[in-house]
């Protein structure tokens, strides 16, 4: 679903790791995008698609909401991009050790 949104809104997902209760993404997008708008687009579209295909989920979630309204955003430069990629990749191993 996220890859489809990336194509539709012309941004690129450079790295992604799906955790049990959150998602890590490294996204490359045009500076014309407001980050808050991108988050709303991603969260809103995914929730809508999941609830349409699995309406039973709504009863199992926090007041019928798929996502917590909070999020963390960090901008990266070419210098720090490798650190962020390494961190996201490391989340796989961290989850496996649990």
PDB file of N, CA and C in Angstrom:
ATOM      1  N   UNK A   1       0.823  -1.200   0.000  1.00  0.00           N
ATOM      2  CA  UNK A   1       0.000   0.000   0.000  1.00  0.00           C
ATOM      3  C   UNK A   1       0.865   1.261   0.000  1.00  0.00           C
ATOM      4  N   UNK A   2       1.926   1.249   0.815  1.00  0.00           N
ATOM      5  CA  UNK A   2       2.796   2.423   0.860  1.00  0.00           C
ATOM      6  C   UNK A   2       3.512   2.640  -0.472  1.00  0.00           C
ATOM      7  N   UNK A   3       3.933   1.564  -1.112  1.00  0.00           N
ATOM      8  CA  UNK A   3       4.592   1.717  -2.415  1.00  0.00           C
ATOM      9  C   UNK A   3       3.634   2.317  -3.438  1.00  0.00           C
ATOM     10  N   UNK A   4       2.372   1.907  -3.392  1.00  0.00           N
ATOM     11  CA  UNK A   4       1.370   2.474  -4.290  1.00  0.00           C
ATOM     12  C   UNK A   4       1.182   3.965  -4.051  1.00  0.00           C
ATOM     13  N   UNK A   5       1.148   4.368  -2.787  1.00  0.00           N
ATOM     14  CA  UNK A   5       1.025   5.798  -2.460  1.00  0.00           C
ATOM     15  C   UNK A   5       2.265   6.565  -2.921  1.00  0.00           C
ATOM     16  N   UNK A   6       3.421   5.943  -2.780  1.00  0.00           N
ATOM     17  CA  UNK A   6       4.664   6.598  -3.215  1.00  0.00           C
ATOM     18  C   UNK A   6       4.615   6.884  -4.719  1.00  0.00           C
ATOM     19  N   UNK A   7       4.141   5.927  -5.478  1.00  0.00           N
ATOM     20  CA  UNK A   7       4.027   6.141  -6.922  1.00  0.00           C
ATOM     21  C   UNK A   7       2.999   7.228  -7.238  1.00  0.00           C
ATOM     22  N   UNK A   8       1.846   7.144  -6.573  1.00  0.00           N
ATOM     23  CA  UNK A   8       0.774   8.103  -6.846  1.00  0.00           C
ATOM     24  C   UNK A   8       1.173   9.541  -6.507  1.00  0.00           C
ATOM     25  N   UNK A   9       1.882   9.725  -5.383  1.00  0.00           N
ATOM     26  CA  UNK A   9       2.228  11.075  -4.928  1.00  0.00           C
ATOM     27  C   UNK A   9       3.675  11.462  -5.256  1.00  0.00           C
ATOM     28  N   UNK A  10       4.341  10.644  -6.033  1.00  0.00           N
ATOM     29  CA  UNK A  10       5.678  10.943  -6.550  1.00  0.00           C
ATOM     30  C   UNK A  10       6.707  11.175  -5.452  1.00  0.00           C
ATOM     31  N   UNK A  11       6.769  10.233  -4.504  1.00  0.00           N
ATOM     32  CA  UNK A  11       7.881  10.222  -3.567  1.00  0.00           C
ATOM     33  C   UNK A  11       8.472   8.821  -3.588  1.00  0.00           C
ATOM     34  N   UNK A  12       9.650   8.687  -3.018  1.00  0.00           N
ATOM     35  CA  UNK A  12      10.352   7.412  -3.084  1.00  0.00           C
ATOM     36  C   UNK A  12      10.618   6.904  -1.668  1.00  0.00           C
ATOM     37  N   UNK A  13      10.296   5.644  -1.424  1.00  0.00           N
ATOM     38  CA  UNK A  13      10.605   5.017  -0.139  1.00  0.00           C
ATOM     39  C   UNK A  13      11.980   4.378  -0.281  1.00  0.00           C
ATOM     40  N   UNK A  14      12.954   4.948   0.439  1.00  0.00           N
ATOM     41  CA  UNK A  14      14.328   4.458   0.357  1.00  0.00           C
ATOM     42  C   UNK A  14      14.568   3.289   1.305  1.00  0.00           C
ATOM     43  N   UNK A  15      13.847   3.285   2.425  1.00  0.00           N
ATOM     44  CA  UNK A  15      13.956   2.192   3.393  1.00  0.00           C
ATOM     45  C   UNK A  15      12.651   2.127   4.172  1.00  0.00           C
ATOM     46  N   UNK A  16      12.287   0.889   4.563  1.00  0.00           N
ATOM     47  CA  UNK A  16      11.052   0.709   5.327  1.00  0.00           C
ATOM     48  C   UNK A  16      11.223  -0.518   6.210  1.00  0.00           C
ATOM     49  N   UNK A  17      10.814  -0.400   7.455  1.00  0.00           N
ATOM     50  CA  UNK A  17      10.765  -1.547   8.345  1.00  0.00           C
ATOM     51  C   UNK A  17       9.467  -1.472   9.130  1.00  0.00           C
ATOM     52  N   UNK A  18       8.663  -2.510   9.002  1.00  0.00           N
ATOM     53  CA  UNK A  18       7.368  -2.560   9.680  1.00  0.00           C
ATOM     54  C   UNK A  18       7.548  -3.293  10.994  1.00  0.00           C
ATOM     55  N   UNK A  19       7.253  -2.609  12.084  1.00  0.00           N
ATOM     56  CA  UNK A  19       7.363  -3.163  13.427  1.00  0.00           C
ATOM     57  C   UNK A  19       5.951  -3.522  13.902  1.00  0.00           C
ATOM     58  N   UNK A  20       5.836  -4.235  15.014  1.00  0.00           N
ATOM     59  CA  UNK A  20       4.493  -4.619  15.486  1.00  0.00           C
ATOM     60  C   UNK A  20       3.566  -3.434  15.765  1.00  0.00           C
ATOM     61  N   UNK A  21       4.124  -2.306  16.214  1.00  0.00           N
ATOM     62  CA  UNK A  21       3.256  -1.183  16.565  1.00  0.00           C
ATOM     63  C   UNK A  21       3.651   0.141  15.927  1.00  0.00           C
ATOM     64  N   UNK A  22       4.565   0.114  14.968  1.00  0.00           N
ATOM     65  CA  UNK A  22       4.934   1.338  14.250  1.00  0.00           C
ATOM     66  C   UNK A  22       5.716   0.969  12.986  1.00  0.00           C
ATOM     67  N   UNK A  23       5.983   1.979  12.180  1.00  0.00           N
ATOM     68  CA  UNK A  23       6.706   1.781  10.919  1.00  0.00           C
ATOM     69  C   UNK A  23       7.845   2.796  10.850  1.00  0.00           C
ATOM     70  N   UNK A  24       9.016   2.327  10.419  1.00  0.00           N
ATOM     71  CA  UNK A  24      10.142   3.215  10.135  1.00  0.00           C
ATOM     72  C   UNK A  24      10.204   3.397   8.627  1.00  0.00           C
ATOM     73  N   UNK A  25      10.271   4.640   8.185  1.00  0.00           N
ATOM     74  CA  UNK A  25      10.386   4.942   6.752  1.00  0.00           C
ATOM     75  C   UNK A  25      11.482   5.964   6.521  1.00  0.00           C
ATOM     76  N   UNK A  26      12.220   5.774   5.464  1.00  0.00           N
ATOM     77  CA  UNK A  26      13.102   6.814   4.955  1.00  0.00           C
ATOM     78  C   UNK A  26      12.551   7.169   3.590  1.00  0.00           C
ATOM     79  N   UNK A  27      12.080   8.400   3.454  1.00  0.00           N
ATOM     80  CA  UNK A  27      11.361   8.842   2.263  1.00  0.00           C
ATOM     81  C   UNK A  27      12.104   9.999   1.618  1.00  0.00           C
ATOM     82  N   UNK A  28      12.190   9.959   0.311  1.00  0.00           N
ATOM     83  CA  UNK A  28      12.747  11.053  -0.469  1.00  0.00           C
ATOM     84  C   UNK A  28      11.581  11.705  -1.213  1.00  0.00           C
ATOM     85  N   UNK A  29      11.346  12.988  -0.920  1.00  0.00           N
ATOM     86  CA  UNK A  29      10.221  13.664  -1.565  1.00  0.00           C
ATOM     87  C   UNK A  29      10.619  15.082  -1.961  1.00  0.00           C
ATOM     88  N   UNK A  30       9.812  15.630  -2.826  1.00  0.00           N
ATOM     89  CA  UNK A  30      10.049  16.992  -3.286  1.00  0.00           C
ATOM     90  C   UNK A  30       9.845  17.973  -2.121  1.00  0.00           C
ATOM     91  N   UNK A  31      10.590  19.060  -2.105  1.00  0.00           N
ATOM     92  CA  UNK A  31      10.456  20.024  -1.016  1.00  0.00           C
ATOM     93  C   UNK A  31       9.095  20.736  -0.994  1.00  0.00           C
ATOM     94  N   UNK A  32       8.305  20.598  -2.048  1.00  0.00           N
ATOM     95  CA  UNK A  32       6.992  21.233  -2.073  1.00  0.00           C
ATOM     96  C   UNK A  32       6.006  20.549  -1.121  1.00  0.00           C
ATOM     97  N   UNK A  33       6.293  19.313  -0.715  1.00  0.00           N
ATOM     98  CA  UNK A  33       5.405  18.592   0.198  1.00  0.00           C
ATOM     99  C   UNK A  33       5.585  19.093   1.625  1.00  0.00           C
ATOM    100  N   UNK A  34       4.475  19.328   2.305  1.00  0.00           N
ATOM    101  CA  UNK A  34       4.532  19.552   3.739  1.00  0.00           C
ATOM    102  C   UNK A  34       4.589  18.177   4.386  1.00  0.00           C
ATOM    103  N   UNK A  35       5.497  17.986   5.315  1.00  0.00           N
ATOM    104  CA  UNK A  35       5.656  16.676   5.948  1.00  0.00           C
ATOM    105  C   UNK A  35       4.360  16.247   6.619  1.00  0.00           C
ATOM    106  N   UNK A  36       3.696  17.156   7.296  1.00  0.00           N
ATOM    107  CA  UNK A  36       2.444  16.802   7.975  1.00  0.00           C
ATOM    108  C   UNK A  36       1.395  16.309   6.976  1.00  0.00           C
ATOM    109  N   UNK A  37       1.364  16.899   5.784  1.00  0.00           N
ATOM    110  CA  UNK A  37       0.422  16.447   4.755  1.00  0.00           C
ATOM    111  C   UNK A  37       0.776  15.043   4.266  1.00  0.00           C
ATOM    112  N   UNK A  38       2.057  14.766   4.111  1.00  0.00           N
ATOM    113  CA  UNK A  38       2.470  13.424   3.678  1.00  0.00           C
ATOM    114  C   UNK A  38       2.062  12.370   4.711  1.00  0.00           C
ATOM    115  N   UNK A  39       2.231  12.684   5.975  1.00  0.00           N
ATOM    116  CA  UNK A  39       1.856  11.746   7.047  1.00  0.00           C
ATOM    117  C   UNK A  39       0.351  11.501   6.998  1.00  0.00           C
ATOM    118  N   UNK A  40      -0.429  12.567   6.859  1.00  0.00           N
ATOM    119  CA  UNK A  40      -1.892  12.416   6.766  1.00  0.00           C
ATOM    120  C   UNK A  40      -2.288  11.570   5.565  1.00  0.00           C
ATOM    121  N   UNK A  41      -1.641  11.798   4.434  1.00  0.00           N
ATOM    122  CA  UNK A  41      -1.931  11.029   3.219  1.00  0.00           C
ATOM    123  C   UNK A  41      -1.653   9.550   3.464  1.00  0.00           C
ATOM    124  N   UNK A  42      -0.476   9.252   4.012  1.00  0.00           N
ATOM    125  CA  UNK A  42      -0.106   7.851   4.227  1.00  0.00           C
ATOM    126  C   UNK A  42      -1.027   7.184   5.252  1.00  0.00           C
ATOM    127  N   UNK A  43      -1.186   7.807   6.408  1.00  0.00           N
ATOM    128  CA  UNK A  43      -2.017   7.212   7.458  1.00  0.00           C
ATOM    129  C   UNK A  43      -3.475   7.096   7.018  1.00  0.00           C
ATOM    130  N   UNK A  44      -4.001   8.137   6.428  1.00  0.00           N
ATOM    131  CA  UNK A  44      -5.408   8.149   6.027  1.00  0.00           C
ATOM    132  C   UNK A  44      -5.728   7.122   4.953  1.00  0.00           C
ATOM    133  N   UNK A  45      -4.900   7.071   3.922  1.00  0.00           N
ATOM    134  CA  UNK A  45      -5.141   6.127   2.829  1.00  0.00           C
ATOM    135  C   UNK A  45      -4.990   4.679   3.270  1.00  0.00           C
ATOM    136  N   UNK A  46      -3.988   4.401   4.061  1.00  0.00           N
ATOM    137  CA  UNK A  46      -3.797   3.021   4.526  1.00  0.00           C
ATOM    138  C   UNK A  46      -4.945   2.603   5.425  1.00  0.00           C
ATOM    139  N   UNK A  47      -5.349   3.470   6.349  1.00  0.00           N
ATOM    140  CA  UNK A  47      -6.472   3.135   7.231  1.00  0.00           C
ATOM    141  C   UNK A  47      -7.733   2.880   6.418  1.00  0.00           C
ATOM    142  N   UNK A  48      -8.020   3.743   5.462  1.00  0.00           N
ATOM    143  CA  UNK A  48      -9.218   3.587   4.637  1.00  0.00           C
ATOM    144  C   UNK A  48      -9.193   2.256   3.888  1.00  0.00           C
ATOM    145  N   UNK A  49      -8.064   1.938   3.267  1.00  0.00           N
ATOM    146  CA  UNK A  49      -7.950   0.689   2.513  1.00  0.00           C
ATOM    147  C   UNK A  49      -8.098  -0.537   3.415  1.00  0.00           C
ATOM    148  N   UNK A  50      -7.449  -0.508   4.579  1.00  0.00           N
ATOM    149  CA  UNK A  50      -7.555  -1.650   5.489  1.00  0.00           C
ATOM    150  C   UNK A  50      -8.969  -1.821   6.029  1.00  0.00           C
ATOM    151  N   UNK A  51      -9.618  -0.719   6.401  1.00  0.00           N
ATOM    152  CA  UNK A  51     -10.971  -0.811   6.955  1.00  0.00           C
ATOM    153  C   UNK A  51     -11.986  -1.242   5.901  1.00  0.00           C
ATOM    154  N   UNK A  52     -11.759  -0.870   4.639  1.00  0.00           N
ATOM    155  CA  UNK A  52     -12.658  -1.331   3.578  1.00  0.00           C
ATOM    156  C   UNK A  52     -12.515  -2.832   3.343  1.00  0.00           C
ATOM    157  N   UNK A  53     -11.285  -3.322   3.381  1.00  0.00           N
ATOM    158  CA  UNK A  53     -11.082  -4.752   3.129  1.00  0.00           C
ATOM    159  C   UNK A  53     -11.229  -5.609   4.389  1.00  0.00           C
ATOM    160  N   UNK A  54     -11.105  -5.002   5.571  1.00  0.00           N
ATOM    161  CA  UNK A  54     -11.232  -5.736   6.835  1.00  0.00           C
ATOM    162  C   UNK A  54     -12.021  -4.894   7.848  1.00  0.00           C
ATOM    163  N   UNK A  55     -13.326  -4.745   7.666  1.00  0.00           N
ATOM    164  CA  UNK A  55     -14.111  -3.887   8.556  1.00  0.00           C
ATOM    165  C   UNK A  55     -14.098  -4.348  10.017  1.00  0.00           C
ATOM    166  N   UNK A  56     -13.815  -5.612  10.242  1.00  0.00           N
ATOM    167  CA  UNK A  56     -13.772  -6.130  11.619  1.00  0.00           C
ATOM    168  C   UNK A  56     -12.626  -5.522  12.437  1.00  0.00           C
ATOM    169  N   UNK A  57     -11.627  -4.989  11.771  1.00  0.00           N
ATOM    170  CA  UNK A  57     -10.495  -4.379  12.476  1.00  0.00           C
ATOM    171  C   UNK A  57     -10.912  -3.190  13.329  1.00  0.00           C
ATOM    172  N   UNK A  58     -11.884  -2.453  12.858  1.00  0.00           N
ATOM    173  CA  UNK A  58     -12.294  -1.223  13.541  1.00  0.00           C
ATOM    174  C   UNK A  58     -12.709  -1.488  14.990  1.00  0.00           C
ATOM    175  N   UNK A  59     -13.358  -2.621  15.238  1.00  0.00           N
ATOM    176  CA  UNK A  59     -13.796  -2.947  16.599  1.00  0.00           C
ATOM    177  C   UNK A  59     -12.628  -3.367  17.489  1.00  0.00           C
ATOM    178  N   UNK A  60     -11.533  -3.803  16.891  1.00  0.00           N
ATOM    179  CA  UNK A  60     -10.402  -4.321  17.655  1.00  0.00           C
ATOM    180  C   UNK A  60      -9.366  -3.246  17.990  1.00  0.00           C
ATOM    181  N   UNK A  61      -9.551  -2.055  17.473  1.00  0.00           N
ATOM    182  CA  UNK A  61      -8.529  -1.022  17.617  1.00  0.00           C
ATOM    183  C   UNK A  61      -8.945   0.087  18.567  1.00  0.00           C
ATOM    184  N   UNK A  62      -8.009   0.951  18.869  1.00  0.00           N
ATOM    185  CA  UNK A  62      -8.166   2.065  19.793  1.00  0.00           C
ATOM    186  C   UNK A  62      -9.284   2.988  19.351  1.00  0.00           C
ATOM    187  N   UNK A  63     -10.458   2.769  19.842  1.00  0.00           N
ATOM    188  CA  UNK A  63     -11.581   3.629  19.491  1.00  0.00           C
ATOM    189  C   UNK A  63     -11.848   3.658  17.995  1.00  0.00           C
ATOM    190  N   UNK A  64     -11.522   2.576  17.295  1.00  0.00           N
ATOM    191  CA  UNK A  64     -11.756   2.510  15.854  1.00  0.00           C
ATOM    192  C   UNK A  64     -10.692   3.198  15.026  1.00  0.00           C
ATOM    193  N   UNK A  65      -9.581   3.609  15.640  1.00  0.00           N
ATOM    194  CA  UNK A  65      -8.508   4.303  14.924  1.00  0.00           C
ATOM    195  C   UNK A  65      -7.334   3.365  14.695  1.00  0.00           C
ATOM    196  N   UNK A  66      -6.850   3.317  13.466  1.00  0.00           N
ATOM    197  CA  UNK A  66      -5.704   2.479  13.144  1.00  0.00           C
ATOM    198  C   UNK A  66      -4.414   3.090  13.667  1.00  0.00           C
ATOM    199  N   UNK A  67      -4.289   4.392  13.549  1.00  0.00           N
ATOM    200  CA  UNK A  67      -3.031   5.066  13.879  1.00  0.00           C
ATOM    201  C   UNK A  67      -3.166   5.964  15.095  1.00  0.00           C
ATOM    202  N   UNK A  68      -2.111   6.034  15.865  1.00  0.00           N
ATOM    203  CA  UNK A  68      -1.960   7.045  16.892  1.00  0.00           C
ATOM    204  C   UNK A  68      -1.697   8.356  16.145  1.00  0.00           C
ATOM    205  N   UNK A  69      -2.202   9.487  16.620  1.00  0.00           N
ATOM    206  CA  UNK A  69      -1.993  10.731  15.866  1.00  0.00           C
ATOM    207  C   UNK A  69      -0.547  11.234  15.872  1.00  0.00           C
ATOM    208  N   UNK A  70       0.297  10.701  16.737  1.00  0.00           N
ATOM    209  CA  UNK A  70       1.671  11.209  16.816  1.00  0.00           C
ATOM    210  C   UNK A  70       2.573  10.561  15.768  1.00  0.00           C
ATOM    211  N   UNK A  71       3.690  11.215  15.511  1.00  0.00           N
ATOM    212  CA  UNK A  71       4.710  10.691  14.617  1.00  0.00           C
ATOM    213  C   UNK A  71       6.006  11.438  14.889  1.00  0.00           C
ATOM    214  N   UNK A  72       7.099  10.855  14.466  1.00  0.00           N
ATOM    215  CA  UNK A  72       8.414  11.481  14.609  1.00  0.00           C
ATOM    216  C   UNK A  72       8.996  11.638  13.207  1.00  0.00           C
ATOM    217  N   UNK A  73       9.487  12.824  12.914  1.00  0.00           N
ATOM    218  CA  UNK A  73      10.088  13.102  11.617  1.00  0.00           C
ATOM    219  C   UNK A  73      11.470  13.691  11.852  1.00  0.00           C
ATOM    220  N   UNK A  74      12.422  13.187  11.102  1.00  0.00           N
ATOM    221  CA  UNK A  74      13.779  13.702  11.158  1.00  0.00           C
ATOM    222  C   UNK A  74      14.225  13.945   9.727  1.00  0.00           C
ATOM    223  N   UNK A  75      14.753  15.112   9.449  1.00  0.00           N
ATOM    224  CA  UNK A  75      15.279  15.357   8.110  1.00  0.00           C
ATOM    225  C   UNK A  75      16.732  14.898   8.082  1.00  0.00           C
ATOM    226  N   UNK A  76      17.145  14.411   6.929  1.00  0.00           N
ATOM    227  CA  UNK A  76      18.505  13.909   6.809  1.00  0.00           C
ATOM    228  C   UNK A  76      19.209  14.572   5.641  1.00  0.00           C
ATOM    229  N   UNK A  77      20.510  14.623   5.740  1.00  0.00           N
ATOM    230  CA  UNK A  77      21.338  15.131   4.645  1.00  0.00           C
ATOM    231  C   UNK A  77      22.019  13.930   3.998  1.00  0.00           C
ATOM    232  N   UNK A  78      22.764  14.167   2.952  1.00  0.00           N
ATOM    233  CA  UNK A  78      23.521  13.076   2.328  1.00  0.00           C
ATOM    234  C   UNK A  78      24.480  12.462   3.345  1.00  0.00           C
ATOM    235  N   UNK A  79      24.981  13.282   4.256  1.00  0.00           N
ATOM    236  CA  UNK A  79      25.903  12.806   5.290  1.00  0.00           C
ATOM    237  C   UNK A  79      25.248  11.850   6.276  1.00  0.00           C
ATOM    238  N   UNK A  80      24.052  12.203   6.734  1.00  0.00           N
ATOM    239  CA  UNK A  80      23.402  11.401   7.773  1.00  0.00           C
ATOM    240  C   UNK A  80      22.498  10.302   7.209  1.00  0.00           C
ATOM    241  N   UNK A  81      22.313  10.279   5.906  1.00  0.00           N
ATOM    242  CA  UNK A  81      21.424   9.300   5.284  1.00  0.00           C
ATOM    243  C   UNK A  81      21.863   7.869   5.588  1.00  0.00           C
ATOM    244  N   UNK A  82      23.155   7.576   5.522  1.00  0.00           N
ATOM    245  CA  UNK A  82      23.647   6.222   5.805  1.00  0.00           C
ATOM    246  C   UNK A  82      23.372   5.810   7.242  1.00  0.00           C
ATOM    247  N   UNK A  83      23.472   6.746   8.169  1.00  0.00           N
ATOM    248  CA  UNK A  83      23.167   6.439   9.574  1.00  0.00           C
ATOM    249  C   UNK A  83      21.705   6.052   9.738  1.00  0.00           C
ATOM    250  N   UNK A  84      20.825   6.781   9.089  1.00  0.00           N
ATOM    251  CA  UNK A  84      19.394   6.495   9.183  1.00  0.00           C
ATOM    252  C   UNK A  84      19.076   5.159   8.519  1.00  0.00           C
ATOM    253  N   UNK A  85      19.659   4.893   7.372  1.00  0.00           N
ATOM    254  CA  UNK A  85      19.465   3.602   6.706  1.00  0.00           C
ATOM    255  C   UNK A  85      19.934   2.455   7.605  1.00  0.00           C
ATOM    256  N   UNK A  86      21.069   2.632   8.232  1.00  0.00           N
ATOM    257  CA  UNK A  86      21.607   1.610   9.132  1.00  0.00           C
ATOM    258  C   UNK A  86      20.683   1.400  10.336  1.00  0.00           C
ATOM    259  N   UNK A  87      20.162   2.481  10.881  1.00  0.00           N
ATOM    260  CA  UNK A  87      19.236   2.380  12.015  1.00  0.00           C
ATOM    261  C   UNK A  87      17.980   1.595  11.622  1.00  0.00           C
ATOM    262  N   UNK A  88      17.399   1.930  10.485  1.00  0.00           N
ATOM    263  CA  UNK A  88      16.176   1.251  10.041  1.00  0.00           C
ATOM    264  C   UNK A  88      16.458  -0.229   9.790  1.00  0.00           C
ATOM    265  N   UNK A  89      17.559  -0.539   9.129  1.00  0.00           N
ATOM    266  CA  UNK A  89      17.925  -1.936   8.890  1.00  0.00           C
ATOM    267  C   UNK A  89      18.126  -2.679  10.214  1.00  0.00           C
ATOM    268  N   UNK A  90      18.698  -2.004  11.193  1.00  0.00           N
ATOM    269  CA  UNK A  90      18.946  -2.618  12.500  1.00  0.00           C
ATOM    270  C   UNK A  90      17.677  -2.960  13.258  1.00  0.00           C
ATOM    271  N   UNK A  91      16.576  -2.343  12.908  1.00  0.00           N
ATOM    272  CA  UNK A  91      15.308  -2.621  13.598  1.00  0.00           C
ATOM    273  C   UNK A  91      14.844  -4.049  13.343  1.00  0.00           C
ATOM    274  N   UNK A  92      15.145  -4.605  12.167  1.00  0.00           N
ATOM    275  CA  UNK A  92      14.808  -5.999  11.864  1.00  0.00           C
ATOM    276  C   UNK A  92      15.457  -6.932  12.872  1.00  0.00           C
ATOM    277  N   UNK A  93      16.764  -6.736  13.069  1.00  0.00           N
ATOM    278  CA  UNK A  93      17.511  -7.589  13.980  1.00  0.00           C
ATOM    279  C   UNK A  93      17.048  -7.401  15.419  1.00  0.00           C
ATOM    280  N   UNK A  94      16.755  -6.169  15.780  1.00  0.00           N
ATOM    281  CA  UNK A  94      16.293  -5.871  17.134  1.00  0.00           C
ATOM    282  C   UNK A  94      14.984  -6.611  17.410  1.00  0.00           C
ATOM    283  N   UNK A  95      14.074  -6.621  16.462  1.00  0.00           N
ATOM    284  CA  UNK A  95      12.769  -7.285  16.626  1.00  0.00           C
ATOM    285  C   UNK A  95      12.948  -8.795  16.702  1.00  0.00           C
ATOM    286  N   UNK A  96      13.846  -9.358  15.927  1.00  0.00           N
ATOM    287  CA  UNK A  96      14.091 -10.799  15.929  1.00  0.00           C
ATOM    288  C   UNK A  96      14.616 -11.276  17.288  1.00  0.00           C
ATOM    289  N   UNK A  97      15.388 -10.433  17.975  1.00  0.00           N
ATOM    290  CA  UNK A  97      15.976 -10.811  19.271  1.00  0.00           C
ATOM    291  C   UNK A  97      14.950 -10.833  20.386  1.00  0.00           C
ATOM    292  N   UNK A  98      13.797 -10.240  20.187  1.00  0.00           N
ATOM    293  CA  UNK A  98      12.770 -10.219  21.248  1.00  0.00           C
ATOM    294  C   UNK A  98      12.169 -11.581  21.462  1.00  0.00           C
TER     295      UNK A  98
END
